[in-house]
Amino acid sequence: MTSTRHEAFIRCARLDEVEALNELIMHSKSYWGYDRPFLEAYRAHLLLSPKALENDPVYCAEVGEAIAGVSHLIVVSDEEICLDHLFVEPAFIGQGIGALLWRHAVEQARRWGARALVFGADPHARSFYERMGAVVVGEKLSRVLPGRKVPRMCYEL
């Protein structure tokens, strides 16, 4: 387990937490001021399914009794791991939880022998990922909202 100054630690998410994790994801996404129609349009693409928790590595950052953040990794190939989710409960934003989840994801990807962590980032989170050392390698078009582009990012391991 990894810890931080907030006595946070990372653990595997449990299947019985899927609803709480999805609430956290929607709270986190709404932090950026997106309106309800935008959030509803993206809901199906943001939420974790029970199958994801059964098949993929999904982790929680926990502070005391609270789930402070969530990350979801998908093995793309022997060389690439996709960071499919990294969300922090708004009450914990700016307290190191995102960096803790990021470092854990990097550590896991390295442990699995990958050469790169790849992901699409919310434009508002781009600067966070750049501070973590990731670089923009292109753009991808939204599958939900025509014309919306999000940065494709990569972190070389």
Protein backbone atom coordinates (compact mmCIF):
# COMPACT_ATOMS: atom_id res chain seq x y z
CA MET A 1 0.00 0.00 0.00
CA THR A 2 1.14 3.51 -0.79
CA SER A 3 0.68 6.37 1.68
CA THR A 4 0.80 10.17 1.57
CA ARG A 5 0.87 13.01 4.12
CA HIS A 6 -2.93 12.76 4.36
CA GLU A 7 -2.69 9.19 5.60
CA ALA A 8 -4.22 8.13 2.32
CA PHE A 9 -3.57 4.71 0.94
CA ILE A 10 -4.28 2.88 -2.28
CA ARG A 11 -6.18 -0.38 -2.31
CA CYS A 12 -8.04 -2.51 -4.80
CA ALA A 13 -11.62 -1.42 -5.36
CA ARG A 14 -14.34 -3.84 -4.33
CA LEU A 15 -17.30 -4.84 -6.47
CA ASP A 16 -19.74 -3.65 -3.80
CA GLU A 17 -18.28 -0.12 -4.19
CA VAL A 18 -19.14 0.36 -7.86
CA GLU A 19 -22.06 2.71 -7.10
CA ALA A 20 -19.99 4.85 -4.72
CA LEU A 21 -17.12 4.98 -7.23
CA ASN A 22 -19.48 6.10 -9.98
CA GLU A 23 -20.88 8.85 -7.75
CA LEU A 24 -17.31 9.99 -7.09
CA ILE A 25 -16.57 10.00 -10.83
CA MET A 26 -19.61 12.16 -11.59
CA HIS A 27 -18.82 14.54 -8.68
CA SER A 28 -15.27 14.85 -9.95
CA LYS A 29 -16.30 15.51 -13.54
CA SER A 30 -18.84 18.13 -12.45
CA TYR A 31 -16.08 19.96 -10.53
CA TRP A 32 -15.00 21.52 -13.83
CA GLY A 33 -18.32 23.33 -14.25
CA TYR A 34 -19.80 21.13 -16.96
CA ASP A 35 -23.56 21.52 -17.26
CA ARG A 36 -26.07 18.73 -16.68
CA PRO A 37 -26.63 17.93 -20.41
CA PHE A 38 -22.86 17.53 -20.90
CA LEU A 39 -22.54 15.29 -17.85
CA GLU A 40 -25.54 13.19 -18.85
CA ALA A 41 -24.16 12.79 -22.38
CA TYR A 42 -20.90 11.46 -20.96
CA ARG A 43 -22.36 9.41 -18.12
CA ALA A 44 -22.31 6.07 -19.96
CA HIS A 45 -18.69 6.62 -21.04
CA LEU A 46 -17.47 7.66 -17.61
CA LEU A 47 -18.99 5.13 -15.27
CA LEU A 48 -17.32 1.93 -14.18
CA SER A 49 -19.21 -1.27 -14.77
CA PRO A 50 -19.13 -4.24 -12.42
CA LYS A 51 -17.38 -6.08 -15.27
CA ALA A 52 -14.56 -3.50 -15.23
CA LEU A 53 -14.01 -4.15 -11.52
CA GLU A 54 -14.01 -7.89 -12.14
CA ASN A 55 -11.65 -7.81 -15.15
CA ASP A 56 -9.37 -4.78 -14.81
CA PRO A 57 -7.19 -3.27 -12.11
CA VAL A 58 -9.33 -0.63 -10.36
CA TYR A 59 -7.93 1.12 -7.30
CA CYS A 60 -9.25 3.47 -4.63
CA ALA A 61 -7.45 6.15 -2.69
CA GLU A 62 -8.84 6.05 0.81
CA VAL A 63 -8.52 8.70 3.51
CA GLY A 64 -9.91 7.54 6.82
CA GLU A 65 -13.30 6.05 6.00
CA ALA A 66 -13.71 8.06 2.78
CA ILE A 67 -12.97 7.03 -0.78
CA ALA A 68 -11.00 10.05 -2.00
CA GLY A 69 -10.24 8.93 -5.56
CA VAL A 70 -10.31 6.13 -8.09
CA SER A 71 -8.12 4.89 -10.91
CA HIS A 72 -8.78 2.27 -13.57
CA LEU A 73 -6.07 0.70 -15.69
CA ILE A 74 -6.57 -1.34 -18.85
CA VAL A 75 -3.82 -3.51 -20.28
CA VAL A 76 -3.72 -2.56 -23.98
CA SER A 77 -0.67 -4.65 -24.87
CA ASP A 78 2.57 -5.87 -23.33
CA GLU A 79 3.95 -2.38 -23.90
CA GLU A 80 0.98 -0.08 -23.19
CA ILE A 81 -1.30 0.42 -20.24
CA CYS A 82 -4.29 2.73 -20.62
CA LEU A 83 -5.15 4.96 -17.69
CA ASP A 84 -8.89 4.83 -18.32
CA HIS A 85 -9.95 6.68 -15.16
CA LEU A 86 -8.28 8.89 -12.60
CA PHE A 87 -10.81 10.87 -10.62
CA VAL A 88 -10.59 12.62 -7.25
CA GLU A 89 -13.54 13.50 -5.04
CA PRO A 90 -13.75 17.33 -5.17
CA ALA A 91 -13.32 17.67 -1.38
CA PHE A 92 -9.86 16.11 -1.81
CA ILE A 93 -8.71 17.97 -4.94
CA GLY A 94 -5.46 19.81 -4.28
CA GLN A 95 -4.48 17.53 -1.39
CA GLY A 96 -2.16 15.16 -3.25
CA ILE A 97 -4.67 12.39 -3.89
CA GLY A 98 -4.45 12.70 -7.69
CA ALA A 99 -0.64 12.58 -7.54
CA LEU A 100 -0.83 9.53 -5.25
CA LEU A 101 -3.13 7.72 -7.70
CA TRP A 102 -0.89 8.77 -10.61
CA ARG A 103 2.29 7.46 -8.94
CA HIS A 104 0.52 4.21 -8.14
CA ALA A 105 -0.63 3.81 -11.76
CA VAL A 106 2.92 4.44 -13.00
CA GLU A 107 4.29 1.96 -10.47
CA GLN A 108 1.78 -0.70 -11.54
CA ALA A 109 2.45 -0.17 -15.25
CA ARG A 110 6.20 -0.50 -14.64
CA ARG A 111 5.67 -3.62 -12.56
CA TRP A 112 3.76 -5.16 -15.48
CA GLY A 113 6.64 -4.35 -17.84
CA ALA A 114 4.85 -1.73 -19.92
CA ARG A 115 6.79 0.98 -21.72
CA ALA A 116 4.06 3.63 -21.74
CA LEU A 117 0.98 4.81 -19.89
CA VAL A 118 -1.49 6.23 -22.43
CA PHE A 119 -4.80 8.02 -21.99
CA GLY A 120 -7.21 10.67 -23.13
CA ALA A 121 -7.35 13.57 -20.67
CA ASP A 122 -10.09 16.00 -19.83
CA PRO A 123 -8.82 19.36 -21.12
CA HIS A 124 -9.10 20.76 -17.57
CA ALA A 125 -6.81 18.01 -16.23
CA ARG A 126 -4.16 18.38 -18.93
CA SER A 127 -1.91 20.62 -16.81
CA PHE A 128 -2.03 18.12 -13.92
CA TYR A 129 -0.82 15.33 -16.19
CA GLU A 130 1.85 17.55 -17.69
CA ARG A 131 3.12 18.30 -14.17
CA MET A 132 3.27 14.54 -13.64
CA GLY A 133 5.50 14.25 -16.73
CA ALA A 134 3.00 13.14 -19.38
CA VAL A 135 3.06 14.78 -22.81
CA VAL A 136 0.37 15.47 -25.37
CA VAL A 137 0.85 13.20 -28.38
CA GLY A 138 -2.26 14.19 -30.32
CA GLU A 139 -5.96 14.76 -30.01
CA LYS A 140 -8.90 12.44 -30.14
CA LEU A 141 -12.44 13.30 -31.12
CA SER A 142 -15.17 12.78 -28.60
CA ARG A 143 -17.36 9.74 -29.18
CA VAL A 144 -20.20 11.65 -27.52
CA LEU A 145 -20.11 15.30 -28.56
CA PRO A 146 -19.30 16.02 -32.21
CA GLY A 147 -16.43 18.45 -32.64
CA ARG A 148 -15.13 18.15 -29.06
CA LYS A 149 -11.47 17.19 -28.90
CA VAL A 150 -9.52 15.90 -25.95
CA PRO A 151 -5.76 15.60 -25.61
CA ARG A 152 -4.24 12.15 -26.11
CA MET A 153 -1.41 11.85 -23.63
CA CYS A 154 1.48 9.52 -23.00
CA TYR A 155 3.90 8.93 -20.17
CA GLU A 156 7.01 6.99 -21.13
CA LEU A 157 7.94 4.52 -18.42
